[in-house]
């Protein structure tokens, strides 16, 4: 498996992967309008879209980057100098449940560390049991709930280097 930043050459493939996930998996807050083609294109242009490839086929994709400041999600506990975020992480539906998400997230964490980030903050839908199961494989701390976009989310926080 190969982890790398996506470029405009990968735009259609990434968009198609998101659409397959929306069609074949239960997603929370994702629909025919989100994530949009333009959002994915902007993620690539900002060099924030990463993917996992197997035999040159994109099998997982995620946005990674800096957490917005000031953060509209409140209640974080770690005092991070450079917090990162991930968003829109997904795995090819036919390959889900095989540990690919864990492998991909491991690559993401190492990538973010190498870029100087000292931790990660994410929100994940409270009902998204598969995502929560994956995040529980890492030492994320649950910082409570956040309601946004009509969905109740858990706020998960990970300080790099802490167990």
C-alpha atoms as a PDB file:
ATOM      1  CA  UNK A   1       0.000   0.000   0.000  1.00  0.00           C
ATOM      2  CA  UNK A   2       1.172   3.479  -0.824  1.00  0.00           C
ATOM      3  CA  UNK A   3       0.180   6.662   1.027  1.00  0.00           C
ATOM      4  CA  UNK A   4       0.494   9.977  -0.785  1.00  0.00           C
ATOM      5  CA  UNK A   5      -0.927  13.435  -1.414  1.00  0.00           C
ATOM      6  CA  UNK A   6      -3.468  13.549  -4.191  1.00  0.00           C
ATOM      7  CA  UNK A   7      -3.160  15.840  -7.184  1.00  0.00           C
ATOM      8  CA  UNK A   8      -5.560  17.009  -9.876  1.00  0.00           C
ATOM      9  CA  UNK A   9      -4.900  13.781 -11.783  1.00  0.00           C
ATOM     10  CA  UNK A  10      -6.665  11.968  -8.890  1.00  0.00           C
ATOM     11  CA  UNK A  11      -9.677  14.309  -8.719  1.00  0.00           C
ATOM     12  CA  UNK A  12     -12.197  12.145 -10.602  1.00  0.00           C
ATOM     13  CA  UNK A  13     -11.045   8.986  -8.810  1.00  0.00           C
ATOM     14  CA  UNK A  14     -11.390  10.633  -5.381  1.00  0.00           C
ATOM     15  CA  UNK A  15     -14.818  12.038  -6.230  1.00  0.00           C
ATOM     16  CA  UNK A  16     -15.968   8.611  -7.461  1.00  0.00           C
ATOM     17  CA  UNK A  17     -14.736   6.967  -4.262  1.00  0.00           C
ATOM     18  CA  UNK A  18     -16.722   9.422  -2.135  1.00  0.00           C
ATOM     19  CA  UNK A  19     -19.836   8.780  -4.236  1.00  0.00           C
ATOM     20  CA  UNK A  20     -19.453   4.976  -3.835  1.00  0.00           C
ATOM     21  CA  UNK A  21     -19.117   5.409  -0.078  1.00  0.00           C
ATOM     22  CA  UNK A  22     -22.261   7.559   0.044  1.00  0.00           C
ATOM     23  CA  UNK A  23     -24.188   4.986  -2.016  1.00  0.00           C
ATOM     24  CA  UNK A  24     -22.946   1.838  -0.260  1.00  0.00           C
ATOM     25  CA  UNK A  25     -22.202   2.839   3.338  1.00  0.00           C
ATOM     26  CA  UNK A  26     -24.141   4.677   5.980  1.00  0.00           C
ATOM     27  CA  UNK A  27     -22.683   8.162   6.111  1.00  0.00           C
ATOM     28  CA  UNK A  28     -23.641  10.941   8.489  1.00  0.00           C
ATOM     29  CA  UNK A  29     -24.063  14.346   6.906  1.00  0.00           C
ATOM     30  CA  UNK A  30     -22.833  13.133   3.512  1.00  0.00           C
ATOM     31  CA  UNK A  31     -25.182  13.265   0.536  1.00  0.00           C
ATOM     32  CA  UNK A  32     -25.287  14.177  -3.169  1.00  0.00           C
ATOM     33  CA  UNK A  33     -24.075  17.680  -2.262  1.00  0.00           C
ATOM     34  CA  UNK A  34     -21.396  16.852   0.323  1.00  0.00           C
ATOM     35  CA  UNK A  35     -18.600  16.383  -0.273  1.00  0.00           C
ATOM     36  CA  UNK A  36     -18.891  18.288  -3.524  1.00  0.00           C
ATOM     37  CA  UNK A  37     -16.633  18.019  -6.547  1.00  0.00           C
ATOM     38  CA  UNK A  38     -15.471  21.607  -5.971  1.00  0.00           C
ATOM     39  CA  UNK A  39     -14.672  20.884  -2.291  1.00  0.00           C
ATOM     40  CA  UNK A  40     -12.528  17.915  -3.265  1.00  0.00           C
ATOM     41  CA  UNK A  41     -10.823  20.002  -5.957  1.00  0.00           C
ATOM     42  CA  UNK A  42     -10.110  22.744  -3.382  1.00  0.00           C
ATOM     43  CA  UNK A  43      -8.732  20.106  -0.979  1.00  0.00           C
ATOM     44  CA  UNK A  44      -6.342  18.928  -3.681  1.00  0.00           C
ATOM     45  CA  UNK A  45      -5.287  22.464  -4.645  1.00  0.00           C
ATOM     46  CA  UNK A  46      -4.543  23.258  -0.979  1.00  0.00           C
ATOM     47  CA  UNK A  47      -2.504  20.018  -0.836  1.00  0.00           C
ATOM     48  CA  UNK A  48      -4.764  18.700   1.916  1.00  0.00           C
ATOM     49  CA  UNK A  49      -6.206  15.599   0.249  1.00  0.00           C
ATOM     50  CA  UNK A  50      -4.340  12.357   0.874  1.00  0.00           C
ATOM     51  CA  UNK A  51      -5.008   8.847  -0.265  1.00  0.00           C
ATOM     52  CA  UNK A  52      -4.060   5.245   0.191  1.00  0.00           C
ATOM     53  CA  UNK A  53      -3.414   3.265  -2.975  1.00  0.00           C
ATOM     54  CA  UNK A  54      -3.263  -0.447  -3.614  1.00  0.00           C
ATOM     55  CA  UNK A  55      -1.987  -1.525  -7.033  1.00  0.00           C
ATOM     56  CA  UNK A  56      -2.352   2.099  -8.214  1.00  0.00           C
ATOM     57  CA  UNK A  57      -6.049   2.118  -7.244  1.00  0.00           C
ATOM     58  CA  UNK A  58      -7.280   4.680  -4.710  1.00  0.00           C
ATOM     59  CA  UNK A  59      -8.811   2.751  -1.798  1.00  0.00           C
ATOM     60  CA  UNK A  60      -9.010   5.418   0.929  1.00  0.00           C
ATOM     61  CA  UNK A  61      -9.108   9.203   1.013  1.00  0.00           C
ATOM     62  CA  UNK A  62      -9.149  11.975   3.630  1.00  0.00           C
ATOM     63  CA  UNK A  63      -8.653  15.677   4.050  1.00  0.00           C
ATOM     64  CA  UNK A  64      -5.866  16.565   6.489  1.00  0.00           C
ATOM     65  CA  UNK A  65      -4.714  19.980   7.580  1.00  0.00           C
ATOM     66  CA  UNK A  66      -4.627  22.653  10.200  1.00  0.00           C
ATOM     67  CA  UNK A  67      -7.521  23.092  12.614  1.00  0.00           C
ATOM     68  CA  UNK A  68      -9.256  26.421  12.033  1.00  0.00           C
ATOM     69  CA  UNK A  69      -8.473  29.093  14.595  1.00  0.00           C
ATOM     70  CA  UNK A  70     -10.483  30.182  16.370  1.00  0.00           C
ATOM     71  CA  UNK A  71     -12.093  26.766  16.495  1.00  0.00           C
ATOM     72  CA  UNK A  72     -15.903  26.873  16.415  1.00  0.00           C
ATOM     73  CA  UNK A  73     -15.969  23.572  18.336  1.00  0.00           C
ATOM     74  CA  UNK A  74     -15.386  24.332  22.010  1.00  0.00           C
ATOM     75  CA  UNK A  75     -14.298  22.178  24.931  1.00  0.00           C
ATOM     76  CA  UNK A  76     -10.955  20.840  23.771  1.00  0.00           C
ATOM     77  CA  UNK A  77      -8.656  20.076  26.702  1.00  0.00           C
ATOM     78  CA  UNK A  78      -5.163  19.673  25.305  1.00  0.00           C
ATOM     79  CA  UNK A  79      -3.191  22.872  24.909  1.00  0.00           C
ATOM     80  CA  UNK A  80      -1.865  22.208  21.426  1.00  0.00           C
ATOM     81  CA  UNK A  81       0.464  24.643  19.684  1.00  0.00           C
ATOM     82  CA  UNK A  82      -0.398  23.334  16.222  1.00  0.00           C
ATOM     83  CA  UNK A  83      -3.576  21.208  16.176  1.00  0.00           C
ATOM     84  CA  UNK A  84      -4.470  19.294  13.036  1.00  0.00           C
ATOM     85  CA  UNK A  85      -7.739  17.954  11.775  1.00  0.00           C
ATOM     86  CA  UNK A  86      -8.939  15.255   9.470  1.00  0.00           C
ATOM     87  CA  UNK A  87     -12.237  15.298   7.645  1.00  0.00           C
ATOM     88  CA  UNK A  88     -14.108  13.186   5.154  1.00  0.00           C
ATOM     89  CA  UNK A  89     -12.051  10.047   5.767  1.00  0.00           C
ATOM     90  CA  UNK A  90     -13.379   7.023   3.921  1.00  0.00           C
ATOM     91  CA  UNK A  91     -12.424   3.574   2.673  1.00  0.00           C
ATOM     92  CA  UNK A  92     -13.597   1.804  -0.482  1.00  0.00           C
ATOM     93  CA  UNK A  93     -16.885   0.093   0.559  1.00  0.00           C
ATOM     94  CA  UNK A  94     -15.875  -3.336  -0.792  1.00  0.00           C
ATOM     95  CA  UNK A  95     -12.735  -3.226   1.403  1.00  0.00           C
ATOM     96  CA  UNK A  96     -14.252  -1.967   4.667  1.00  0.00           C
ATOM     97  CA  UNK A  97     -13.785  -4.093   7.781  1.00  0.00           C
ATOM     98  CA  UNK A  98     -10.300  -5.283   6.751  1.00  0.00           C
ATOM     99  CA  UNK A  99      -8.170  -2.898   8.812  1.00  0.00           C
ATOM    100  CA  UNK A 100      -7.484  -0.485   5.954  1.00  0.00           C
ATOM    101  CA  UNK A 101      -8.923   2.464   7.897  1.00  0.00           C
ATOM    102  CA  UNK A 102      -6.540   1.764  10.793  1.00  0.00           C
ATOM    103  CA  UNK A 103      -3.576   1.500   8.409  1.00  0.00           C
ATOM    104  CA  UNK A 104      -4.615   4.712   6.654  1.00  0.00           C
ATOM    105  CA  UNK A 105      -5.073   6.611   9.921  1.00  0.00           C
ATOM    106  CA  UNK A 106      -1.631   5.411  11.064  1.00  0.00           C
ATOM    107  CA  UNK A 107      -0.112   6.892   7.880  1.00  0.00           C
ATOM    108  CA  UNK A 108      -2.071  10.117   8.451  1.00  0.00           C
ATOM    109  CA  UNK A 109      -0.846  10.499  12.041  1.00  0.00           C
ATOM    110  CA  UNK A 110       2.775   9.956  10.987  1.00  0.00           C
ATOM    111  CA  UNK A 111       2.371  12.444   8.122  1.00  0.00           C
ATOM    112  CA  UNK A 112       0.887  15.093  10.426  1.00  0.00           C
ATOM    113  CA  UNK A 113       3.671  14.570  12.995  1.00  0.00           C
ATOM    114  CA  UNK A 114       6.282  15.033  10.240  1.00  0.00           C
ATOM    115  CA  UNK A 115       4.621  18.352   9.333  1.00  0.00           C
ATOM    116  CA  UNK A 116       5.042  19.640  12.883  1.00  0.00           C
ATOM    117  CA  UNK A 117       1.511  19.119  14.211  1.00  0.00           C
ATOM    118  CA  UNK A 118       1.344  18.142  17.875  1.00  0.00           C
ATOM    119  CA  UNK A 119      -2.133  16.645  17.953  1.00  0.00           C
ATOM    120  CA  UNK A 120      -5.403  16.023  16.177  1.00  0.00           C
ATOM    121  CA  UNK A 121      -8.988  17.120  16.804  1.00  0.00           C
ATOM    122  CA  UNK A 122     -11.926  15.588  14.987  1.00  0.00           C
ATOM    123  CA  UNK A 123     -15.658  15.342  15.270  1.00  0.00           C
ATOM    124  CA  UNK A 124     -17.361  12.061  14.443  1.00  0.00           C
ATOM    125  CA  UNK A 125     -21.088  11.393  14.308  1.00  0.00           C
ATOM    126  CA  UNK A 126     -22.266   9.750  17.506  1.00  0.00           C
ATOM    127  CA  UNK A 127     -24.107   7.087  15.468  1.00  0.00           C
ATOM    128  CA  UNK A 128     -21.119   6.285  13.249  1.00  0.00           C
ATOM    129  CA  UNK A 129     -20.211   3.055  15.022  1.00  0.00           C
ATOM    130  CA  UNK A 130     -17.698   1.910  12.389  1.00  0.00           C
ATOM    131  CA  UNK A 131     -15.703   5.147  12.579  1.00  0.00           C
ATOM    132  CA  UNK A 132     -15.805   5.131  16.381  1.00  0.00           C
ATOM    133  CA  UNK A 133     -14.557   1.541  16.402  1.00  0.00           C
ATOM    134  CA  UNK A 134     -11.583   2.600  14.262  1.00  0.00           C
ATOM    135  CA  UNK A 135     -10.793   5.686  16.354  1.00  0.00           C
ATOM    136  CA  UNK A 136     -10.926   3.562  19.516  1.00  0.00           C
ATOM    137  CA  UNK A 137      -7.887   1.692  18.178  1.00  0.00           C
ATOM    138  CA  UNK A 138      -5.927   4.898  18.815  1.00  0.00           C
ATOM    139  CA  UNK A 139      -5.560   6.792  22.114  1.00  0.00           C
ATOM    140  CA  UNK A 140      -8.177   9.443  21.256  1.00  0.00           C
ATOM    141  CA  UNK A 141      -9.874  11.099  24.221  1.00  0.00           C
ATOM    142  CA  UNK A 142     -13.597  11.774  23.992  1.00  0.00           C
ATOM    143  CA  UNK A 143     -14.223  15.411  24.973  1.00  0.00           C
ATOM    144  CA  UNK A 144     -18.009  15.215  24.954  1.00  0.00           C
ATOM    145  CA  UNK A 145     -20.648  16.074  22.406  1.00  0.00           C
ATOM    146  CA  UNK A 146     -21.077  18.854  19.878  1.00  0.00           C
ATOM    147  CA  UNK A 147     -24.237  19.568  17.889  1.00  0.00           C
ATOM    148  CA  UNK A 148     -23.739  20.987  14.399  1.00  0.00           C
ATOM    149  CA  UNK A 149     -25.177  20.502  10.900  1.00  0.00           C
ATOM    150  CA  UNK A 150     -28.215  18.795  12.467  1.00  0.00           C
ATOM    151  CA  UNK A 151     -26.035  15.977  13.836  1.00  0.00           C
ATOM    152  CA  UNK A 152     -24.752  15.103  17.303  1.00  0.00           C
ATOM    153  CA  UNK A 153     -20.986  14.566  17.161  1.00  0.00           C
ATOM    154  CA  UNK A 154     -18.380  13.276  19.572  1.00  0.00           C
ATOM    155  CA  UNK A 155     -15.334  15.510  19.918  1.00  0.00           C
ATOM    156  CA  UNK A 156     -12.224  13.331  19.777  1.00  0.00           C
ATOM    157  CA  UNK A 157      -8.773  14.601  20.596  1.00  0.00           C
ATOM    158  CA  UNK A 158      -5.373  12.962  20.232  1.00  0.00           C
ATOM    159  CA  UNK A 159      -2.098  14.382  21.496  1.00  0.00           C
ATOM    160  CA  UNK A 160       0.780  12.960  19.484  1.00  0.00           C
ATOM    161  CA  UNK A 161       3.247  11.027  21.591  1.00  0.00           C
ATOM    162  CA  UNK A 162       0.789  10.444  24.453  1.00  0.00           C
ATOM    163  CA  UNK A 163      -0.757   7.056  25.236  1.00  0.00           C
END
